[in-house]
Protein backbone atom coordinates (compact mmCIF):
# COMPACT_ATOMS: atom_id res chain seq x y z
CA UNK A 1 91.35 -16.16 -73.58
CA UNK A 2 90.69 -13.58 -70.79
CA UNK A 3 86.99 -13.80 -71.68
CA UNK A 4 87.16 -17.72 -71.36
CA UNK A 5 88.84 -17.58 -68.00
CA UNK A 6 86.30 -15.40 -66.65
CA UNK A 7 83.38 -17.15 -68.17
CA UNK A 8 84.79 -20.37 -66.33
CA UNK A 9 85.26 -18.59 -63.20
CA UNK A 10 81.77 -17.30 -63.05
CA UNK A 11 80.44 -20.65 -63.97
CA UNK A 12 82.47 -22.37 -61.13
CA UNK A 13 81.45 -19.71 -58.54
CA UNK A 14 77.84 -19.92 -59.82
CA UNK A 15 77.73 -23.69 -59.35
CA UNK A 16 79.18 -23.43 -55.66
CA UNK A 17 76.43 -20.87 -54.75
CA UNK A 18 73.56 -23.24 -56.07
CA UNK A 19 75.40 -26.54 -54.81
CA UNK A 20 73.05 -26.68 -51.53
CA UNK A 21 69.60 -27.14 -52.55
CA UNK A 22 67.24 -28.06 -49.67
CA UNK A 23 64.36 -30.52 -50.06
CA UNK A 24 61.99 -32.09 -47.80
CA UNK A 25 64.15 -35.16 -47.35
CA UNK A 26 66.98 -33.21 -46.05
CA UNK A 27 65.54 -31.92 -43.09
CA UNK A 28 65.47 -34.68 -40.49
CA UNK A 29 61.65 -34.36 -38.83
CA UNK A 30 61.24 -35.48 -35.37
CA UNK A 31 57.65 -35.89 -34.16
CA UNK A 32 59.03 -36.25 -30.40
CA UNK A 33 61.67 -34.63 -28.32
CA UNK A 34 62.74 -38.18 -27.45
CA UNK A 35 63.86 -38.83 -30.84
CA UNK A 36 65.71 -35.69 -31.36
CA UNK A 37 67.39 -35.89 -27.95
CA UNK A 38 69.21 -39.04 -28.87
CA UNK A 39 70.96 -36.97 -31.77
CA UNK A 40 72.70 -34.98 -29.07
CA UNK A 41 74.71 -37.92 -27.80
CA UNK A 42 78.12 -36.77 -26.82
CA UNK A 43 80.84 -38.60 -28.81
CA UNK A 44 84.32 -38.08 -27.41
CA UNK A 45 85.32 -34.41 -27.63
CA UNK A 46 82.90 -33.16 -29.81
CA UNK A 47 81.08 -29.80 -28.95
CA UNK A 48 77.35 -29.58 -29.64
CA UNK A 49 75.87 -26.26 -30.50
CA UNK A 50 71.84 -26.75 -30.61
CA UNK A 51 70.05 -23.62 -31.59
CA UNK A 52 66.39 -23.65 -31.31
CA UNK A 53 64.71 -21.17 -33.86
CA UNK A 54 61.65 -20.73 -36.68
CA UNK A 55 61.48 -18.91 -39.82
CA UNK A 56 58.74 -16.69 -38.24
CA UNK A 57 60.93 -15.64 -35.64
CA UNK A 58 62.68 -12.30 -36.63
CA UNK A 59 65.53 -12.56 -33.87
CA UNK A 60 66.11 -16.26 -34.69
CA UNK A 61 66.37 -15.31 -38.26
CA UNK A 62 68.56 -12.21 -37.61
CA UNK A 63 71.32 -14.52 -35.72
CA UNK A 64 71.34 -17.43 -38.25
CA UNK A 65 74.28 -15.92 -40.27
CA UNK A 66 76.42 -16.12 -37.18
CA UNK A 67 75.70 -20.00 -36.71
CA UNK A 68 76.54 -20.51 -40.28
CA UNK A 69 79.91 -18.30 -39.85
CA UNK A 70 80.41 -20.65 -36.70
CA UNK A 71 79.67 -23.82 -38.96
CA UNK A 72 82.29 -22.78 -41.46
CA UNK A 73 85.20 -22.11 -38.81
CA UNK A 74 87.92 -24.66 -37.90
CA UNK A 75 88.29 -25.50 -34.32
CA UNK A 76 90.81 -27.67 -32.40
CA UNK A 77 87.92 -29.94 -31.35
CA UNK A 78 85.25 -31.00 -33.63
CA UNK A 79 81.99 -28.80 -33.48
CA UNK A 80 78.65 -30.06 -34.56
CA UNK A 81 76.03 -27.52 -35.21
CA UNK A 82 72.42 -28.40 -35.27
CA UNK A 83 69.45 -25.70 -36.10
CA UNK A 84 66.41 -27.02 -34.48
CA UNK A 85 63.28 -25.37 -36.37
CA UNK A 86 59.94 -25.31 -34.36
CA UNK A 87 58.38 -24.09 -37.79
CA UNK A 88 55.06 -26.01 -38.27
CA UNK A 89 54.82 -29.25 -40.00
CA UNK A 90 52.26 -28.32 -42.87
CA UNK A 91 54.62 -25.49 -43.79
CA UNK A 92 57.94 -27.36 -44.52
CA UNK A 93 57.34 -27.02 -48.24
CA UNK A 94 55.76 -23.67 -48.32
CA UNK A 95 58.30 -21.81 -45.58
CA UNK A 96 60.99 -23.87 -44.32
CA UNK A 97 62.66 -25.37 -47.53
CA UNK A 98 62.34 -21.88 -49.15
CA UNK A 99 63.86 -20.19 -46.25
CA UNK A 100 66.68 -22.57 -46.27
CA UNK A 101 67.39 -22.40 -49.93
CA UNK A 102 67.00 -18.44 -50.00
CA UNK A 103 69.35 -18.06 -47.06
CA UNK A 104 71.87 -20.83 -48.52
CA UNK A 105 71.85 -22.35 -45.01
CA UNK A 106 74.38 -25.25 -44.96
CA UNK A 107 74.37 -26.15 -41.24
CA UNK A 108 72.29 -29.39 -40.46
CA UNK A 109 68.78 -28.70 -39.69
CA UNK A 110 66.02 -30.81 -38.07
CA UNK A 111 62.51 -29.84 -37.39
CA UNK A 112 61.01 -30.62 -34.31
CA UNK A 113 57.10 -30.77 -34.29
CA UNK A 114 56.41 -32.14 -30.72
CA UNK A 115 53.55 -30.24 -29.51
CA UNK A 116 54.06 -31.11 -25.87
CA UNK A 117 56.50 -27.83 -25.25
CA UNK A 118 56.20 -27.92 -21.66
CA UNK A 119 57.67 -31.19 -21.31
CA UNK A 120 60.59 -30.86 -23.62
CA UNK A 121 61.43 -27.25 -22.78
CA UNK A 122 62.41 -28.28 -19.11
CA UNK A 123 64.40 -31.17 -20.34
CA UNK A 124 66.42 -28.82 -22.63
CA UNK A 125 67.00 -26.70 -19.63
CA UNK A 126 64.97 -26.00 -16.32
CA UNK A 127 65.52 -22.36 -16.69
CA UNK A 128 64.06 -22.20 -20.29
CA UNK A 129 60.86 -20.05 -20.27
CA UNK A 130 59.81 -21.15 -23.72
CA UNK A 131 60.89 -18.08 -25.88
CA UNK A 132 63.18 -18.56 -29.01
CA UNK A 133 66.13 -17.96 -29.95
CA UNK A 134 67.41 -20.56 -27.62
CA UNK A 135 70.68 -21.88 -27.65
CA UNK A 136 72.18 -25.08 -25.75
CA UNK A 137 75.92 -25.86 -25.78
CA UNK A 138 77.05 -29.38 -24.82
CA UNK A 139 80.46 -30.95 -24.24
CA UNK A 140 81.40 -33.91 -22.16
CA UNK A 141 82.12 -31.53 -19.41
CA UNK A 142 80.02 -28.71 -19.68
CA UNK A 143 76.56 -27.56 -20.51
CA UNK A 144 75.61 -23.84 -21.27
CA UNK A 145 72.19 -22.80 -21.89
CA UNK A 146 71.09 -19.24 -23.53
CA UNK A 147 67.60 -17.79 -24.10
CA UNK A 148 68.65 -14.91 -25.91
CA UNK A 149 69.69 -13.58 -29.39
CA UNK A 150 73.33 -13.58 -30.40
CA UNK A 151 74.80 -10.65 -32.11
CA UNK A 152 77.85 -11.70 -33.51
CA UNK A 153 80.02 -14.93 -34.45
CA UNK A 154 82.45 -13.67 -31.73
CA UNK A 155 79.94 -14.04 -29.29
CA UNK A 156 79.00 -17.63 -29.96
CA UNK A 157 83.09 -18.46 -30.23
CA UNK A 158 83.72 -16.87 -26.84
CA UNK A 159 80.95 -19.36 -25.36
CA UNK A 160 82.69 -22.36 -27.29
CA UNK A 161 86.00 -21.26 -25.82
CA UNK A 162 84.58 -21.83 -22.36
CA UNK A 163 83.96 -25.21 -23.00
């Protein structure tokens, strides 16, 4: 009887780990920043956390677990986390999708392939020099931009508490 119960638990746990399997259709692809920017429309008291990253960026990859932990937190107000990948369009299947599956990413992921970096960088924030990782926090009353790597979920939570 104990063995059956343990086998059931292992099966359920294994299923939960494999529940999120990314495919190309799960990643919203934007060819132009204008299209992506519309998804950041402020609604009510929702706080948007928008992280610009890429699979080839070591500091970006290092901080992703903190955004994932934030994704799993319960907050007094709604928090929407969007991971905006700046990976290359031709590497969606070979790099981005396998990475999302290997790392068990559950946050919303978008792919931005707008090559007009100088145009959209200034629109995200005029102080952005163009390096990644970069993160924008938006609320109805506040906007904060960080061109840096975060080192803990607590850092992110502290910023959220100021919004």
